[in-house]
Protein backbone atom coordinates (compact mmCIF):
# COMPACT_ATOMS: atom_id res chain seq x y z
CA MET A 1 116.47 230.60 208.40
CA SER A 2 112.73 230.40 207.93
CA GLN A 3 111.08 230.49 204.51
CA ASP A 4 109.44 233.83 205.38
CA SER A 5 112.81 235.33 206.26
CA PHE A 6 114.30 233.97 203.04
CA ASP A 7 111.50 235.47 200.94
CA ASN A 8 111.91 238.85 202.63
CA ASP A 9 115.63 238.81 202.05
CA GLU A 10 115.15 238.08 198.32
CA SER A 11 112.52 240.83 198.00
CA SER A 12 114.76 243.35 199.73
CA ASN A 13 117.67 242.41 197.49
CA ARG A 14 115.54 242.96 194.37
CA LYS A 15 114.29 246.32 195.59
CA ARG A 16 117.86 247.47 196.13
CA GLY A 17 118.64 246.63 192.49
CA GLY A 18 120.77 243.59 193.24
CA ALA A 19 120.67 240.31 191.36
CA MET A 20 118.12 237.75 192.54
CA ARG A 21 118.58 234.11 193.44
CA ILE A 22 117.11 232.15 190.55
CA PHE A 23 115.73 228.63 190.93
CA ILE A 24 115.73 226.04 188.11
CA PHE A 25 112.81 223.64 187.75
CA LYS A 26 112.02 220.61 185.64
CA SER A 27 108.54 219.70 184.51
CA GLU A 28 107.54 216.17 185.33
CA ALA A 29 104.75 216.35 182.74
CA ASN A 30 107.15 217.34 179.93
CA PRO A 31 110.69 216.08 180.69
CA ASP A 32 112.37 218.40 178.16
CA LEU A 33 110.79 221.53 179.65
CA ARG A 34 112.63 223.59 182.26
CA ALA A 35 111.85 226.87 183.96
CA PHE A 36 113.54 229.58 185.92
CA GLY A 37 111.59 230.95 188.88
CA GLY A 38 112.08 233.46 191.64
CA ASP A 39 111.09 231.24 194.59
CA LEU A 40 112.04 227.75 195.75
CA VAL A 41 108.48 226.44 195.59
CA GLY A 42 107.82 227.65 192.03
CA THR A 43 104.49 229.28 192.97
CA LYS A 44 104.20 231.18 189.69
CA LEU A 45 105.14 228.37 187.29
CA PRO A 46 102.49 227.43 184.69
CA GLY A 47 100.06 224.80 185.99
CA GLN A 48 99.65 222.93 182.71
CA PHE A 49 103.14 221.55 183.06
CA LYS A 50 102.85 220.42 186.72
CA PRO A 51 104.28 218.91 188.71
CA TRP A 52 107.49 220.96 188.83
CA ARG A 53 110.61 219.78 190.63
CA ALA A 54 113.37 222.13 191.74
CA VAL A 55 116.63 220.90 190.26
CA GLY A 56 119.03 223.77 191.05
CA ALA A 57 119.63 227.37 192.01
CA ILE A 58 121.76 230.19 190.73
CA ALA A 59 123.28 232.49 193.36
CA PRO A 60 123.06 236.22 192.75
CA ASN A 61 126.78 236.35 191.95
CA GLN A 62 126.72 233.42 189.49
CA ASP A 63 126.13 233.30 185.72
CA PRO A 64 123.18 231.18 184.64
CA PRO A 65 123.74 227.95 182.75
CA TYR A 66 122.73 227.28 179.14
CA LYS A 67 124.14 230.61 177.88
CA ILE A 68 120.96 232.48 178.85
CA ALA A 69 121.55 236.08 179.94
CA ARG A 70 120.77 236.75 183.62
CA HIS A 71 119.14 240.05 182.68
CA ASP A 72 116.68 238.25 180.39
CA ILE A 73 115.83 235.65 183.07
CA GLU A 74 115.33 238.27 185.76
CA LYS A 75 113.17 240.43 183.46
CA ALA A 76 110.94 237.47 182.61
CA ILE A 77 110.61 236.51 186.30
CA ASN A 78 109.76 240.08 187.28
CA GLU A 79 107.17 240.43 184.47
CA GLN A 80 105.64 236.93 184.31
CA GLY A 81 106.90 235.13 187.40
CA PHE A 82 108.94 232.60 185.40
CA GLN A 83 110.87 231.88 182.19
CA LEU A 84 110.45 228.58 180.31
CA PHE A 85 113.05 226.93 178.15
CA ARG A 86 113.57 223.54 176.51
CA PHE A 87 116.45 221.36 177.56
CA LYS A 88 118.04 219.60 174.63
CA LYS A 89 120.29 216.62 175.22
CA SER A 90 123.47 216.80 173.21
CA THR A 91 123.46 214.52 170.22
CA LYS A 92 126.44 212.48 169.22
CA ALA A 93 127.26 211.56 165.64
CA ILE A 94 126.86 207.86 164.99
CA SER A 95 129.78 206.44 163.07
């Protein structure tokens, strides 16, 4: 499937009211910064945190990780083109 075909499928799905495929990115400039975007290339991600690297995807029928509501992610992507979040590593108590 070509990239153009993929983009058109995603756009059609959104117009029908279905859930979108969400891509997860990591900022190389700020290793704790992540973003959700609506396209594999991350064309709308903020430039000040480039380069961005795709690290995953969430299918339309899957729940997003990190306990972030899909509705909130999709709303941010539709309004701004992306949603940023900080990735915190779990801390272990030192005994």
